Amino acid sequence: MKKTLSVILLSFSFVCMLAPFALAAEEGAAITDAQYGYYSMAVIGAGIAVGIAAVGAGLGQGIATGKAVEGIARNPGASGQIMTPLIVGLAMMESLTIYGFVIAALILFVKW
């Protein structure tokens, strides 16, 4: 848990540090105060979106994997019937995290 939290905080700080470079205006164009406020809020919103998506998927995957291992431990003969739905379910949960990342990237890089 401590390692996961530190990775999430490190990723959020990395996004916040690199956002001014990624969102910099074209050469010769000045960034107004309104644009700067929008960009800073977009960075914070994107970081929170990715964080919530990662935490939700991580919790779901941990619970699902734990229950699958528990089921296999109780009935080792059913491991083939448990593993296939488990892997499909984990792939679905991971796709939700990727959707969160895509939404965060849209928030950051699409010029409204």
PDB file of N, CA and C in Angstrom:
ATOM      1  N   MET A   1       0.829  -1.195   0.000  1.00  0.00           N
ATOM      2  CA  MET A   1       0.000   0.000   0.000  1.00  0.00           C
ATOM      3  C   MET A   1       0.865   1.246   0.000  1.00  0.00           C
ATOM      4  N   LYS A   2       1.913   1.234   0.836  1.00  0.00           N
ATOM      5  CA  LYS A   2       2.783   2.388   0.937  1.00  0.00           C
ATOM      6  C   LYS A   2       3.519   2.629  -0.386  1.00  0.00           C
ATOM      7  N   LYS A   3       3.942   1.537  -1.033  1.00  0.00           N
ATOM      8  CA  LYS A   3       4.641   1.654  -2.308  1.00  0.00           C
ATOM      9  C   LYS A   3       3.706   2.193  -3.394  1.00  0.00           C
ATOM     10  N   THR A   4       2.490   1.707  -3.420  1.00  0.00           N
ATOM     11  CA  THR A   4       1.512   2.166  -4.415  1.00  0.00           C
ATOM     12  C   THR A   4       1.216   3.650  -4.239  1.00  0.00           C
ATOM     13  N   LEU A   5       1.035   4.069  -2.998  1.00  0.00           N
ATOM     14  CA  LEU A   5       0.765   5.475  -2.739  1.00  0.00           C
ATOM     15  C   LEU A   5       1.938   6.351  -3.156  1.00  0.00           C
ATOM     16  N   SER A   6       3.154   5.897  -2.892  1.00  0.00           N
ATOM     17  CA  SER A   6       4.318   6.693  -3.288  1.00  0.00           C
ATOM     18  C   SER A   6       4.458   6.765  -4.800  1.00  0.00           C
ATOM     19  N   VAL A   7       4.120   5.686  -5.507  1.00  0.00           N
ATOM     20  CA  VAL A   7       4.176   5.709  -6.974  1.00  0.00           C
ATOM     21  C   VAL A   7       3.128   6.669  -7.525  1.00  0.00           C
ATOM     22  N   ILE A   8       1.936   6.670  -6.949  1.00  0.00           N
ATOM     23  CA  ILE A   8       0.882   7.570  -7.401  1.00  0.00           C
ATOM     24  C   ILE A   8       1.290   9.025  -7.163  1.00  0.00           C
ATOM     25  N   LEU A   9       1.815   9.325  -5.993  1.00  0.00           N
ATOM     26  CA  LEU A   9       2.239  10.698  -5.699  1.00  0.00           C
ATOM     27  C   LEU A   9       3.403  11.124  -6.581  1.00  0.00           C
ATOM     28  N   LEU A  10       4.334  10.208  -6.848  1.00  0.00           N
ATOM     29  CA  LEU A  10       5.457  10.527  -7.727  1.00  0.00           C
ATOM     30  C   LEU A  10       4.966  10.810  -9.144  1.00  0.00           C
ATOM     31  N   SER A  11       4.013  10.011  -9.630  1.00  0.00           N
ATOM     32  CA  SER A  11       3.461  10.233 -10.967  1.00  0.00           C
ATOM     33  C   SER A  11       2.730  11.571 -11.048  1.00  0.00           C
ATOM     34  N   PHE A  12       1.965  11.896 -10.015  1.00  0.00           N
ATOM     35  CA  PHE A  12       1.242  13.164  -9.995  1.00  0.00           C
ATOM     36  C   PHE A  12       2.209  14.341  -9.999  1.00  0.00           C
ATOM     37  N   SER A  13       3.277  14.265  -9.213  1.00  0.00           N
ATOM     38  CA  SER A  13       4.248  15.358  -9.186  1.00  0.00           C
ATOM     39  C   SER A  13       4.990  15.457 -10.516  1.00  0.00           C
ATOM     40  N   PHE A  14       5.238  14.313 -11.151  1.00  0.00           N
ATOM     41  CA  PHE A  14       5.905  14.321 -12.458  1.00  0.00           C
ATOM     42  C   PHE A  14       5.034  15.001 -13.502  1.00  0.00           C
ATOM     43  N   VAL A  15       3.738  14.717 -13.485  1.00  0.00           N
ATOM     44  CA  VAL A  15       2.814  15.364 -14.420  1.00  0.00           C
ATOM     45  C   VAL A  15       2.764  16.865 -14.161  1.00  0.00           C
ATOM     46  N   CYS A  16       2.729  17.247 -12.891  1.00  0.00           N
ATOM     47  CA  CYS A  16       2.675  18.675 -12.557  1.00  0.00           C
ATOM     48  C   CYS A  16       3.941  19.403 -12.971  1.00  0.00           C
ATOM     49  N   MET A  17       5.093  18.729 -12.884  1.00  0.00           N
ATOM     50  CA  MET A  17       6.347  19.371 -13.280  1.00  0.00           C
ATOM     51  C   MET A  17       6.456  19.529 -14.790  1.00  0.00           C
ATOM     52  N   LEU A  18       5.975  18.545 -15.540  1.00  0.00           N
ATOM     53  CA  LEU A  18       6.134  18.590 -16.991  1.00  0.00           C
ATOM     54  C   LEU A  18       4.995  19.288 -17.720  1.00  0.00           C
ATOM     55  N   ALA A  19       3.916  19.572 -17.036  1.00  0.00           N
ATOM     56  CA  ALA A  19       2.767  20.190 -17.678  1.00  0.00           C
ATOM     57  C   ALA A  19       3.067  21.552 -18.299  1.00  0.00           C
ATOM     58  N   PRO A  20       3.847  22.426 -17.657  1.00  0.00           N
ATOM     59  CA  PRO A  20       4.123  23.705 -18.313  1.00  0.00           C
ATOM     60  C   PRO A  20       4.845  23.556 -19.653  1.00  0.00           C
ATOM     61  N   PHE A  21       5.696  22.557 -19.766  1.00  0.00           N
ATOM     62  CA  PHE A  21       6.392  22.339 -21.038  1.00  0.00           C
ATOM     63  C   PHE A  21       5.458  21.755 -22.082  1.00  0.00           C
ATOM     64  N   ALA A  22       4.590  20.845 -21.668  1.00  0.00           N
ATOM     65  CA  ALA A  22       3.668  20.212 -22.607  1.00  0.00           C
ATOM     66  C   ALA A  22       2.585  21.178 -23.065  1.00  0.00           C
ATOM     67  N   LEU A  23       2.213  22.096 -22.199  1.00  0.00           N
ATOM     68  CA  LEU A  23       1.123  23.002 -22.506  1.00  0.00           C
ATOM     69  C   LEU A  23       1.599  24.402 -22.888  1.00  0.00           C
ATOM     70  N   ALA A  24       2.879  24.536 -23.142  1.00  0.00           N
ATOM     71  CA  ALA A  24       3.427  25.850 -23.458  1.00  0.00           C
ATOM     72  C   ALA A  24       2.816  26.383 -24.756  1.00  0.00           C
ATOM     73  N   ALA A  25       2.648  27.662 -24.774  1.00  0.00           N
ATOM     74  CA  ALA A  25       2.077  28.298 -25.967  1.00  0.00           C
ATOM     75  C   ALA A  25       3.109  28.303 -27.087  1.00  0.00           C
ATOM     76  N   GLU A  26       2.628  28.559 -28.281  1.00  0.00           N
ATOM     77  CA  GLU A  26       3.529  28.635 -29.420  1.00  0.00           C
ATOM     78  C   GLU A  26       4.490  29.797 -29.237  1.00  0.00           C
ATOM     79  N   GLU A  27       5.581  29.765 -29.980  1.00  0.00           N
ATOM     80  CA  GLU A  27       6.567  30.831 -29.864  1.00  0.00           C
ATOM     81  C   GLU A  27       5.947  32.173 -30.215  1.00  0.00           C
ATOM     82  N   GLY A  28       6.210  33.138 -29.402  1.00  0.00           N
ATOM     83  CA  GLY A  28       5.717  34.477 -29.646  1.00  0.00           C
ATOM     84  C   GLY A  28       4.344  34.745 -29.059  1.00  0.00           C
ATOM     85  N   ALA A  29       3.633  33.707 -28.661  1.00  0.00           N
ATOM     86  CA  ALA A  29       2.305  33.898 -28.087  1.00  0.00           C
ATOM     87  C   ALA A  29       2.415  33.922 -26.571  1.00  0.00           C
ATOM     88  N   ALA A  30       1.794  34.889 -25.981  1.00  0.00           N
ATOM     89  CA  ALA A  30       1.839  35.010 -24.525  1.00  0.00           C
ATOM     90  C   ALA A  30       0.664  34.256 -23.914  1.00  0.00           C
ATOM     91  N   ILE A  31       0.919  33.650 -22.769  1.00  0.00           N
ATOM     92  CA  ILE A  31      -0.146  32.947 -22.059  1.00  0.00           C
ATOM     93  C   ILE A  31      -0.826  33.949 -21.137  1.00  0.00           C
ATOM     94  N   THR A  32      -2.122  34.097 -21.293  1.00  0.00           N
ATOM     95  CA  THR A  32      -2.861  35.018 -20.434  1.00  0.00           C
ATOM     96  C   THR A  32      -3.134  34.364 -19.085  1.00  0.00           C
ATOM     97  N   ASP A  33      -3.582  35.160 -18.139  1.00  0.00           N
ATOM     98  CA  ASP A  33      -3.879  34.636 -16.812  1.00  0.00           C
ATOM     99  C   ASP A  33      -5.003  33.608 -16.852  1.00  0.00           C
ATOM    100  N   ALA A  34      -5.984  33.829 -17.709  1.00  0.00           N
ATOM    101  CA  ALA A  34      -7.102  32.886 -17.812  1.00  0.00           C
ATOM    102  C   ALA A  34      -6.625  31.539 -18.349  1.00  0.00           C
ATOM    103  N   GLN A  35      -5.730  31.577 -19.345  1.00  0.00           N
ATOM    104  CA  GLN A  35      -5.201  30.324 -19.887  1.00  0.00           C
ATOM    105  C   GLN A  35      -4.342  29.609 -18.855  1.00  0.00           C
ATOM    106  N   TYR A  36      -3.554  30.354 -18.105  1.00  0.00           N
ATOM    107  CA  TYR A  36      -2.705  29.736 -17.099  1.00  0.00           C
ATOM    108  C   TYR A  36      -3.556  29.067 -16.025  1.00  0.00           C
ATOM    109  N   GLY A  37      -4.629  29.719 -15.620  1.00  0.00           N
ATOM    110  CA  GLY A  37      -5.534  29.132 -14.638  1.00  0.00           C
ATOM    111  C   GLY A  37      -6.189  27.870 -15.164  1.00  0.00           C
ATOM    112  N   TYR A  38      -6.590  27.910 -16.437  1.00  0.00           N
ATOM    113  CA  TYR A  38      -7.199  26.725 -17.032  1.00  0.00           C
ATOM    114  C   TYR A  38      -6.208  25.579 -17.087  1.00  0.00           C
ATOM    115  N   TYR A  39      -4.987  25.855 -17.531  1.00  0.00           N
ATOM    116  CA  TYR A  39      -3.987  24.805 -17.663  1.00  0.00           C
ATOM    117  C   TYR A  39      -3.622  24.204 -16.308  1.00  0.00           C
ATOM    118  N   SER A  40      -3.505  25.022 -15.294  1.00  0.00           N
ATOM    119  CA  SER A  40      -3.157  24.484 -13.985  1.00  0.00           C
ATOM    120  C   SER A  40      -4.292  23.624 -13.435  1.00  0.00           C
ATOM    121  N   MET A  41      -5.530  24.045 -13.630  1.00  0.00           N
ATOM    122  CA  MET A  41      -6.652  23.228 -13.187  1.00  0.00           C
ATOM    123  C   MET A  41      -6.765  21.950 -14.012  1.00  0.00           C
ATOM    124  N   ALA A  42      -6.420  22.012 -15.292  1.00  0.00           N
ATOM    125  CA  ALA A  42      -6.449  20.817 -16.131  1.00  0.00           C
ATOM    126  C   ALA A  42      -5.426  19.799 -15.657  1.00  0.00           C
ATOM    127  N   VAL A  43      -4.262  20.265 -15.256  1.00  0.00           N
ATOM    128  CA  VAL A  43      -3.223  19.358 -14.761  1.00  0.00           C
ATOM    129  C   VAL A  43      -3.675  18.690 -13.468  1.00  0.00           C
ATOM    130  N   ILE A  44      -4.245  19.453 -12.572  1.00  0.00           N
ATOM    131  CA  ILE A  44      -4.714  18.890 -11.310  1.00  0.00           C
ATOM    132  C   ILE A  44      -5.859  17.910 -11.557  1.00  0.00           C
ATOM    133  N   GLY A  45      -6.787  18.279 -12.419  1.00  0.00           N
ATOM    134  CA  GLY A  45      -7.907  17.387 -12.740  1.00  0.00           C
ATOM    135  C   GLY A  45      -7.452  16.097 -13.401  1.00  0.00           C
ATOM    136  N   ALA A  46      -6.480  16.203 -14.305  1.00  0.00           N
ATOM    137  CA  ALA A  46      -5.977  15.003 -14.973  1.00  0.00           C
ATOM    138  C   ALA A  46      -5.262  14.093 -13.982  1.00  0.00           C
ATOM    139  N   GLY A  47      -4.498  14.668 -13.088  1.00  0.00           N
ATOM    140  CA  GLY A  47      -3.817  13.857 -12.081  1.00  0.00           C
ATOM    141  C   GLY A  47      -4.800  13.144 -11.173  1.00  0.00           C
ATOM    142  N   ILE A  48      -5.833  13.832 -10.775  1.00  0.00           N
ATOM    143  CA  ILE A  48      -6.844  13.216  -9.913  1.00  0.00           C
ATOM    144  C   ILE A  48      -7.601  12.124 -10.675  1.00  0.00           C
ATOM    145  N   ALA A  49      -7.905  12.368 -11.940  1.00  0.00           N
ATOM    146  CA  ALA A  49      -8.626  11.366 -12.741  1.00  0.00           C
ATOM    147  C   ALA A  49      -7.818  10.089 -12.890  1.00  0.00           C
ATOM    148  N   VAL A  50      -6.535  10.220 -13.191  1.00  0.00           N
ATOM    149  CA  VAL A  50      -5.691   9.035 -13.337  1.00  0.00           C
ATOM    150  C   VAL A  50      -5.528   8.338 -11.991  1.00  0.00           C
ATOM    151  N   GLY A  51      -5.391   9.110 -10.926  1.00  0.00           N
ATOM    152  CA  GLY A  51      -5.245   8.514  -9.603  1.00  0.00           C
ATOM    153  C   GLY A  51      -6.465   7.724  -9.181  1.00  0.00           C
ATOM    154  N   ILE A  52      -7.632   8.274  -9.381  1.00  0.00           N
ATOM    155  CA  ILE A  52      -8.864   7.572  -9.010  1.00  0.00           C
ATOM    156  C   ILE A  52      -9.049   6.321  -9.871  1.00  0.00           C
ATOM    157  N   ALA A  53      -8.742   6.427 -11.159  1.00  0.00           N
ATOM    158  CA  ALA A  53      -8.864   5.260 -12.034  1.00  0.00           C
ATOM    159  C   ALA A  53      -7.900   4.160 -11.606  1.00  0.00           C
ATOM    160  N   ALA A  54      -6.677   4.525 -11.250  1.00  0.00           N
ATOM    161  CA  ALA A  54      -5.690   3.526 -10.841  1.00  0.00           C
ATOM    162  C   ALA A  54      -6.056   2.887  -9.512  1.00  0.00           C
ATOM    163  N   VAL A  55      -6.531   3.691  -8.568  1.00  0.00           N
ATOM    164  CA  VAL A  55      -6.908   3.146  -7.267  1.00  0.00           C
ATOM    165  C   VAL A  55      -8.108   2.205  -7.409  1.00  0.00           C
ATOM    166  N   GLY A  56      -9.104   2.607  -8.170  1.00  0.00           N
ATOM    167  CA  GLY A  56     -10.276   1.763  -8.352  1.00  0.00           C
ATOM    168  C   GLY A  56      -9.946   0.442  -9.025  1.00  0.00           C
ATOM    169  N   ALA A  57      -9.155   0.502 -10.080  1.00  0.00           N
ATOM    170  CA  ALA A  57      -8.789  -0.728 -10.782  1.00  0.00           C
ATOM    171  C   ALA A  57      -7.886  -1.598  -9.917  1.00  0.00           C
ATOM    172  N   GLY A  58      -6.987  -0.978  -9.173  1.00  0.00           N
ATOM    173  CA  GLY A  58      -6.110  -1.746  -8.298  1.00  0.00           C
ATOM    174  C   GLY A  58      -6.874  -2.483  -7.212  1.00  0.00           C
ATOM    175  N   LEU A  59      -7.834  -1.806  -6.601  1.00  0.00           N
ATOM    176  CA  LEU A  59      -8.661  -2.460  -5.581  1.00  0.00           C
ATOM    177  C   LEU A  59      -9.475  -3.602  -6.185  1.00  0.00           C
ATOM    178  N   GLY A  60     -10.081  -3.352  -7.318  1.00  0.00           N
ATOM    179  CA  GLY A  60     -10.880  -4.390  -7.968  1.00  0.00           C
ATOM    180  C   GLY A  60     -10.049  -5.594  -8.372  1.00  0.00           C
ATOM    181  N   GLN A  61      -8.875  -5.350  -8.916  1.00  0.00           N
ATOM    182  CA  GLN A  61      -8.018  -6.457  -9.325  1.00  0.00           C
ATOM    183  C   GLN A  61      -7.507  -7.239  -8.120  1.00  0.00           C
ATOM    184  N   GLY A  62      -7.196  -6.532  -7.045  1.00  0.00           N
ATOM    185  CA  GLY A  62      -6.732  -7.218  -5.839  1.00  0.00           C
ATOM    186  C   GLY A  62      -7.807  -8.106  -5.238  1.00  0.00           C
ATOM    187  N   ILE A  63      -9.019  -7.606  -5.173  1.00  0.00           N
ATOM    188  CA  ILE A  63     -10.128  -8.398  -4.616  1.00  0.00           C
ATOM    189  C   ILE A  63     -10.418  -9.604  -5.509  1.00  0.00           C
ATOM    190  N   ALA A  64     -10.459  -9.376  -6.819  1.00  0.00           N
ATOM    191  CA  ALA A  64     -10.764 -10.468  -7.743  1.00  0.00           C
ATOM    192  C   ALA A  64      -9.679 -11.541  -7.708  1.00  0.00           C
ATOM    193  N   THR A  65      -8.434 -11.141  -7.683  1.00  0.00           N
ATOM    194  CA  THR A  65      -7.345 -12.104  -7.641  1.00  0.00           C
ATOM    195  C   THR A  65      -7.351 -12.876  -6.328  1.00  0.00           C
ATOM    196  N   GLY A  66      -7.601 -12.179  -5.236  1.00  0.00           N
ATOM    197  CA  GLY A  66      -7.660 -12.852  -3.943  1.00  0.00           C
ATOM    198  C   GLY A  66      -8.758 -13.902  -3.883  1.00  0.00           C
ATOM    199  N   LYS A  67      -9.919 -13.559  -4.405  1.00  0.00           N
ATOM    200  CA  LYS A  67     -11.027 -14.515  -4.408  1.00  0.00           C
ATOM    201  C   LYS A  67     -10.735 -15.699  -5.332  1.00  0.00           C
ATOM    202  N   ALA A  68     -10.070 -15.440  -6.455  1.00  0.00           N
ATOM    203  CA  ALA A  68      -9.726 -16.533  -7.369  1.00  0.00           C
ATOM    204  C   ALA A  68      -8.715 -17.479  -6.730  1.00  0.00           C
ATOM    205  N   VAL A  69      -7.718 -16.926  -6.071  1.00  0.00           N
ATOM    206  CA  VAL A  69      -6.722 -17.769  -5.396  1.00  0.00           C
ATOM    207  C   VAL A  69      -7.377 -18.564  -4.273  1.00  0.00           C
ATOM    208  N   GLU A  70      -8.305 -17.927  -3.572  1.00  0.00           N
ATOM    209  CA  GLU A  70      -9.034 -18.627  -2.512  1.00  0.00           C
ATOM    210  C   GLU A  70      -9.851 -19.783  -3.092  1.00  0.00           C
ATOM    211  N   GLY A  71     -10.499 -19.554  -4.211  1.00  0.00           N
ATOM    212  CA  GLY A  71     -11.276 -20.615  -4.859  1.00  0.00           C
ATOM    213  C   GLY A  71     -10.402 -21.741  -5.356  1.00  0.00           C
ATOM    214  N   ILE A  72      -9.240 -21.419  -5.900  1.00  0.00           N
ATOM    215  CA  ILE A  72      -8.326 -22.456  -6.381  1.00  0.00           C
ATOM    216  C   ILE A  72      -7.761 -23.247  -5.202  1.00  0.00           C
ATOM    217  N   ALA A  73      -7.501 -22.561  -4.081  1.00  0.00           N
ATOM    218  CA  ALA A  73      -6.992 -23.261  -2.911  1.00  0.00           C
ATOM    219  C   ALA A  73      -8.021 -24.234  -2.353  1.00  0.00           C
ATOM    220  N   ARG A  74      -9.280 -23.895  -2.432  1.00  0.00           N
ATOM    221  CA  ARG A  74     -10.328 -24.789  -1.924  1.00  0.00           C
ATOM    222  C   ARG A  74     -10.593 -25.954  -2.866  1.00  0.00           C
ATOM    223  N   ASN A  75     -10.473 -25.697  -4.177  1.00  0.00           N
ATOM    224  CA  ASN A  75     -10.749 -26.744  -5.157  1.00  0.00           C
ATOM    225  C   ASN A  75      -9.731 -26.635  -6.294  1.00  0.00           C
ATOM    226  N   PRO A  76      -8.557 -27.258  -6.146  1.00  0.00           N
ATOM    227  CA  PRO A  76      -7.521 -27.138  -7.185  1.00  0.00           C
ATOM    228  C   PRO A  76      -7.946 -27.679  -8.543  1.00  0.00           C
ATOM    229  N   GLY A  77      -8.892 -28.574  -8.565  1.00  0.00           N
ATOM    230  CA  GLY A  77      -9.352 -29.135  -9.841  1.00  0.00           C
ATOM    231  C   GLY A  77     -10.108 -28.128 -10.690  1.00  0.00           C
ATOM    232  N   ALA A  78     -10.620 -27.085 -10.086  1.00  0.00           N
ATOM    233  CA  ALA A  78     -11.400 -26.084 -10.815  1.00  0.00           C
ATOM    234  C   ALA A  78     -10.546 -24.897 -11.252  1.00  0.00           C
ATOM    235  N   SER A  79      -9.228 -25.026 -11.206  1.00  0.00           N
ATOM    236  CA  SER A  79      -8.378 -23.873 -11.528  1.00  0.00           C
ATOM    237  C   SER A  79      -8.534 -23.428 -12.982  1.00  0.00           C
ATOM    238  N   GLY A  80      -8.754 -24.368 -13.890  1.00  0.00           N
ATOM    239  CA  GLY A  80      -8.953 -23.999 -15.292  1.00  0.00           C
ATOM    240  C   GLY A  80     -10.240 -23.213 -15.508  1.00  0.00           C
ATOM    241  N   GLN A  81     -11.275 -23.568 -14.749  1.00  0.00           N
ATOM    242  CA  GLN A  81     -12.552 -22.876 -14.877  1.00  0.00           C
ATOM    243  C   GLN A  81     -12.529 -21.516 -14.174  1.00  0.00           C
ATOM    244  N   ILE A  82     -11.600 -21.329 -13.263  1.00  0.00           N
ATOM    245  CA  ILE A  82     -11.521 -20.057 -12.541  1.00  0.00           C
ATOM    246  C   ILE A  82     -10.603 -19.070 -13.260  1.00  0.00           C
ATOM    247  N   MET A  83      -9.529 -19.569 -13.847  1.00  0.00           N
ATOM    248  CA  MET A  83      -8.519 -18.676 -14.426  1.00  0.00           C
ATOM    249  C   MET A  83      -9.024 -17.908 -15.648  1.00  0.00           C
ATOM    250  N   THR A  84      -9.787 -18.535 -16.508  1.00  0.00           N
ATOM    251  CA  THR A  84     -10.235 -17.854 -17.722  1.00  0.00           C
ATOM    252  C   THR A  84     -11.135 -16.654 -17.418  1.00  0.00           C
ATOM    253  N   PRO A  85     -12.174 -16.813 -16.605  1.00  0.00           N
ATOM    254  CA  PRO A  85     -12.972 -15.622 -16.273  1.00  0.00           C
ATOM    255  C   PRO A  85     -12.187 -14.586 -15.479  1.00  0.00           C
ATOM    256  N   LEU A  86     -11.214 -15.053 -14.672  1.00  0.00           N
ATOM    257  CA  LEU A  86     -10.393 -14.115 -13.915  1.00  0.00           C
ATOM    258  C   LEU A  86      -9.580 -13.232 -14.853  1.00  0.00           C
ATOM    259  N   ILE A  87      -8.945 -13.821 -15.833  1.00  0.00           N
ATOM    260  CA  ILE A  87      -8.115 -13.034 -16.751  1.00  0.00           C
ATOM    261  C   ILE A  87      -8.973 -12.092 -17.591  1.00  0.00           C
ATOM    262  N   VAL A  88     -10.138 -12.531 -18.019  1.00  0.00           N
ATOM    263  CA  VAL A  88     -11.042 -11.651 -18.763  1.00  0.00           C
ATOM    264  C   VAL A  88     -11.490 -10.484 -17.884  1.00  0.00           C
ATOM    265  N   GLY A  89     -11.826 -10.774 -16.640  1.00  0.00           N
ATOM    266  CA  GLY A  89     -12.236  -9.717 -15.719  1.00  0.00           C
ATOM    267  C   GLY A  89     -11.114  -8.737 -15.428  1.00  0.00           C
ATOM    268  N   LEU A  90      -9.893  -9.245 -15.257  1.00  0.00           N
ATOM    269  CA  LEU A  90      -8.753  -8.349 -15.024  1.00  0.00           C
ATOM    270  C   LEU A  90      -8.493  -7.462 -16.235  1.00  0.00           C
ATOM    271  N   ALA A  91      -8.665  -8.006 -17.428  1.00  0.00           N
ATOM    272  CA  ALA A  91      -8.479  -7.193 -18.632  1.00  0.00           C
ATOM    273  C   ALA A  91      -9.537  -6.089 -18.705  1.00  0.00           C
ATOM    274  N   MET A  92     -10.764  -6.400 -18.316  1.00  0.00           N
ATOM    275  CA  MET A  92     -11.819  -5.380 -18.310  1.00  0.00           C
ATOM    276  C   MET A  92     -11.513  -4.284 -17.298  1.00  0.00           C
ATOM    277  N   MET A  93     -11.020  -4.671 -16.123  1.00  0.00           N
ATOM    278  CA  MET A  93     -10.678  -3.665 -15.116  1.00  0.00           C
ATOM    279  C   MET A  93      -9.516  -2.790 -15.579  1.00  0.00           C
ATOM    280  N   GLU A  94      -8.549  -3.401 -16.228  1.00  0.00           N
ATOM    281  CA  GLU A  94      -7.407  -2.631 -16.708  1.00  0.00           C
ATOM    282  C   GLU A  94      -7.828  -1.674 -17.816  1.00  0.00           C
ATOM    283  N   SER A  95      -8.821  -2.062 -18.624  1.00  0.00           N
ATOM    284  CA  SER A  95      -9.284  -1.157 -19.678  1.00  0.00           C
ATOM    285  C   SER A  95      -9.919   0.092 -19.081  1.00  0.00           C
ATOM    286  N   LEU A  96     -10.551  -0.026 -17.920  1.00  0.00           N
ATOM    287  CA  LEU A  96     -11.113   1.153 -17.269  1.00  0.00           C
ATOM    288  C   LEU A  96     -10.014   2.122 -16.849  1.00  0.00           C
ATOM    289  N   THR A  97      -8.886   1.601 -16.408  1.00  0.00           N
ATOM    290  CA  THR A  97      -7.754   2.461 -16.061  1.00  0.00           C
ATOM    291  C   THR A  97      -7.231   3.170 -17.305  1.00  0.00           C
ATOM    292  N   ILE A  98      -7.166   2.456 -18.404  1.00  0.00           N
ATOM    293  CA  ILE A  98      -6.693   3.065 -19.649  1.00  0.00           C
ATOM    294  C   ILE A  98      -7.672   4.145 -20.110  1.00  0.00           C
ATOM    295  N   TYR A  99      -8.968   3.920 -19.938  1.00  0.00           N
ATOM    296  CA  TYR A  99      -9.948   4.950 -20.275  1.00  0.00           C
ATOM    297  C   TYR A  99      -9.734   6.202 -19.423  1.00  0.00           C
ATOM    298  N   GLY A 100      -9.455   6.025 -18.150  1.00  0.00           N
ATOM    299  CA  GLY A 100      -9.151   7.167 -17.279  1.00  0.00           C
ATOM    300  C   GLY A 100      -7.928   7.926 -17.748  1.00  0.00           C
ATOM    301  N   PHE A 101      -6.916   7.197 -18.197  1.00  0.00           N
ATOM    302  CA  PHE A 101      -5.713   7.845 -18.723  1.00  0.00           C
ATOM    303  C   PHE A 101      -6.017   8.607 -20.010  1.00  0.00           C
ATOM    304  N   VAL A 102      -6.833   8.039 -20.868  1.00  0.00           N
ATOM    305  CA  VAL A 102      -7.179   8.716 -22.127  1.00  0.00           C
ATOM    306  C   VAL A 102      -7.956   9.997 -21.845  1.00  0.00           C
ATOM    307  N   ILE A 103      -8.888   9.952 -20.906  1.00  0.00           N
ATOM    308  CA  ILE A 103      -9.642  11.149 -20.546  1.00  0.00           C
ATOM    309  C   ILE A 103      -8.712  12.209 -19.976  1.00  0.00           C
ATOM    310  N   ALA A 104      -7.760  11.791 -19.140  1.00  0.00           N
ATOM    311  CA  ALA A 104      -6.799  12.744 -18.580  1.00  0.00           C
ATOM    312  C   ALA A 104      -5.936  13.358 -19.677  1.00  0.00           C
ATOM    313  N   ALA A 105      -5.531  12.555 -20.652  1.00  0.00           N
ATOM    314  CA  ALA A 105      -4.742  13.089 -21.764  1.00  0.00           C
ATOM    315  C   ALA A 105      -5.566  14.073 -22.594  1.00  0.00           C
ATOM    316  N   LEU A 106      -6.848  13.785 -22.779  1.00  0.00           N
ATOM    317  CA  LEU A 106      -7.710  14.722 -23.500  1.00  0.00           C
ATOM    318  C   LEU A 106      -7.841  16.037 -22.746  1.00  0.00           C
ATOM    319  N   ILE A 107      -7.981  15.953 -21.429  1.00  0.00           N
ATOM    320  CA  ILE A 107      -8.080  17.165 -20.630  1.00  0.00           C
ATOM    321  C   ILE A 107      -6.814  18.006 -20.778  1.00  0.00           C
ATOM    322  N   LEU A 108      -5.669  17.343 -20.813  1.00  0.00           N
ATOM    323  CA  LEU A 108      -4.392  18.068 -20.855  1.00  0.00           C
ATOM    324  C   LEU A 108      -4.082  18.655 -22.229  1.00  0.00           C
ATOM    325  N   PHE A 109      -4.301  17.880 -23.277  1.00  0.00           N
ATOM    326  CA  PHE A 109      -3.729  18.255 -24.564  1.00  0.00           C
ATOM    327  C   PHE A 109      -4.700  18.770 -25.607  1.00  0.00           C
ATOM    328  N   VAL A 110      -5.995  18.721 -25.360  1.00  0.00           N
ATOM    329  CA  VAL A 110      -6.952  19.245 -26.325  1.00  0.00           C
ATOM    330  C   VAL A 110      -7.154  20.731 -26.049  1.00  0.00           C
ATOM    331  N   LYS A 111      -6.983  21.517 -27.071  1.00  0.00           N
ATOM    332  CA  LYS A 111      -7.167  22.979 -26.941  1.00  0.00           C
ATOM    333  C   LYS A 111      -8.644  23.288 -27.134  1.00  0.00           C
ATOM    334  N   TRP A 112      -9.283  23.799 -26.100  1.00  0.00           N
ATOM    335  CA  TRP A 112     -10.721  24.068 -26.133  1.00  0.00           C
ATOM    336  C   TRP A 112     -10.984  25.336 -26.861  1.00  0.00           C
TER     337      TRP A 112
END
